[in-house]
Amino acid sequence: MRFPEKNSRGEQILKAFHQRGPMTIHQGIEQHGEFPTSRVPAGIDHNKMVELYCELVDRACLVRESILYRLSVRAQHHLDTLARPPEPGQIVPPRVRNFLDKVMSFGNSPFSPNCLSL
């Protein structure tokens, strides 16, 4: 399975299928829209939409059953892991050094640590 690129039309289609379930192409267009852009404000035509769906079937992200399309098992699992919030790991506090508390040798001060006073 080759998952589509981030923020692409294919990913938006798969997210719509993840939220809704099995759909036809026309129901999918109602869910994810026709992808309007500044150049094409009306969105893409039906032939291009069929081409996008066929590409997702070829990538093994969607499974076609007569006129219905549904997510494949691997795509479903992948989208579930993306939707799940990350598990909190062990948080290690940052190491903070306080230079005023360190042990100083004779004659050194925190404001001039390398100067010796006689």
Protein backbone atom coordinates (compact mmCIF):
# COMPACT_ATOMS: atom_id res chain seq x y z
CA MET A 1 0.00 0.00 0.00
CA ARG A 2 1.30 3.41 -0.93
CA PHE A 3 -0.44 6.03 1.14
CA PRO A 4 -1.03 9.40 -0.65
CA GLU A 5 1.10 12.44 0.09
CA LYS A 6 0.29 14.78 2.97
CA ASN A 7 -2.36 17.45 2.28
CA SER A 8 -3.27 15.93 -1.08
CA ARG A 9 -6.64 15.23 -2.63
CA GLY A 10 -6.14 11.52 -2.10
CA GLU A 11 -5.60 12.00 1.61
CA GLN A 12 -8.75 14.13 1.88
CA ILE A 13 -10.74 11.39 0.13
CA LEU A 14 -9.41 8.74 2.52
CA LYS A 15 -10.20 10.90 5.56
CA ALA A 16 -13.79 11.30 4.31
CA PHE A 17 -14.07 7.51 3.96
CA HIS A 18 -12.60 7.08 7.44
CA GLN A 19 -15.25 9.35 8.94
CA ARG A 20 -18.28 8.14 6.95
CA GLY A 21 -17.66 4.54 5.83
CA PRO A 22 -18.35 2.92 2.44
CA MET A 23 -19.70 5.35 -0.19
CA THR A 24 -20.23 5.80 -3.90
CA ILE A 25 -18.32 8.44 -5.84
CA HIS A 26 -21.27 10.86 -5.69
CA GLN A 27 -21.64 10.44 -1.92
CA GLY A 28 -17.87 10.96 -1.61
CA ILE A 29 -18.08 14.21 -3.56
CA GLU A 30 -20.76 15.41 -1.13
CA GLN A 31 -18.47 14.58 1.81
CA HIS A 32 -15.05 15.82 0.67
CA GLY A 33 -16.10 18.36 -1.95
CA GLU A 34 -14.94 18.90 -5.51
CA PHE A 35 -11.56 20.44 -4.54
CA PRO A 36 -12.08 24.03 -5.73
CA THR A 37 -8.93 26.11 -6.29
CA SER A 38 -8.23 29.68 -7.35
CA ARG A 39 -7.74 28.54 -10.96
CA VAL A 40 -10.77 26.22 -10.99
CA PRO A 41 -13.34 27.69 -8.57
CA ALA A 42 -16.00 25.16 -9.63
CA GLY A 43 -13.75 22.23 -8.69
CA ILE A 44 -12.59 19.30 -10.78
CA ASP A 45 -14.89 17.43 -13.15
CA HIS A 46 -16.35 13.94 -12.69
CA ASN A 47 -13.80 12.21 -14.96
CA LYS A 48 -10.91 13.52 -12.87
CA MET A 49 -12.70 12.37 -9.71
CA VAL A 50 -13.10 8.85 -11.16
CA GLU A 51 -9.39 8.93 -12.01
CA LEU A 52 -8.52 9.87 -8.40
CA TYR A 53 -10.63 7.01 -7.03
CA CYS A 54 -9.09 4.52 -9.49
CA GLU A 55 -5.62 5.69 -8.45
CA LEU A 56 -6.48 5.05 -4.80
CA VAL A 57 -7.76 1.58 -5.75
CA ASP A 58 -4.47 0.92 -7.57
CA ARG A 59 -2.53 2.07 -4.50
CA ALA A 60 -4.56 -0.44 -2.41
CA CYS A 61 -6.00 2.29 -0.19
CA LEU A 62 -9.58 1.79 -1.39
CA VAL A 63 -11.43 -1.39 -2.29
CA ARG A 64 -14.13 -1.28 -4.97
CA GLU A 65 -17.25 -3.39 -4.46
CA SER A 66 -19.62 -2.84 -7.42
CA ILE A 67 -20.44 0.89 -7.13
CA LEU A 68 -19.35 1.25 -3.49
CA TYR A 69 -15.85 2.09 -2.37
CA ARG A 70 -14.51 1.34 1.11
CA LEU A 71 -11.20 1.70 2.90
CA SER A 72 -8.81 -1.22 2.87
CA VAL A 73 -7.84 -2.75 6.20
CA ARG A 74 -4.30 -1.36 6.08
CA ALA A 75 -5.52 2.15 5.21
CA GLN A 76 -8.07 1.95 8.05
CA HIS A 77 -5.33 0.98 10.50
CA HIS A 78 -3.03 3.73 9.20
CA LEU A 79 -5.70 6.41 9.59
CA ASP A 80 -6.56 5.12 13.07
CA THR A 81 -2.94 5.51 14.15
CA LEU A 82 -2.81 9.04 12.68
CA ALA A 83 -6.01 10.04 14.50
CA ARG A 84 -4.84 8.64 17.84
CA PRO A 85 -3.08 11.20 20.07
CA PRO A 86 0.56 10.39 20.81
CA GLU A 87 1.19 8.46 23.99
CA PRO A 88 2.99 10.48 26.64
CA GLY A 89 6.49 9.18 27.11
CA GLN A 90 8.83 9.59 30.04
CA ILE A 91 9.60 13.25 30.44
CA VAL A 92 13.06 14.03 31.73
CA PRO A 93 13.39 17.48 33.27
CA PRO A 94 16.08 19.70 31.77
CA ARG A 95 19.38 19.91 33.57
CA VAL A 96 19.66 23.32 35.17
CA ARG A 97 22.90 24.46 36.70
CA ASN A 98 22.97 27.22 39.25
CA PHE A 99 26.38 28.84 39.17
CA LEU A 100 25.83 30.60 42.47
CA ASP A 101 25.59 27.27 44.35
CA LYS A 102 28.73 25.65 42.96
CA VAL A 103 31.75 25.10 45.13
CA MET A 104 34.42 27.66 44.41
CA SER A 105 38.09 27.56 45.07
CA PHE A 106 39.86 30.17 47.18
CA GLY A 107 39.58 33.68 45.78
CA ASN A 108 37.07 32.93 42.99
CA SER A 109 33.67 34.59 42.89
CA PRO A 110 30.63 33.78 40.78
CA PHE A 111 30.97 37.07 38.91
CA SER A 112 34.64 36.60 38.07
CA PRO A 113 35.32 32.87 38.26
CA ASN A 114 38.81 32.89 36.74
CA CYS A 115 40.25 35.84 38.64
CA LEU A 116 42.28 35.26 41.77
CA SER A 117 42.22 37.83 44.50
CA LEU A 118 45.40 38.19 46.53
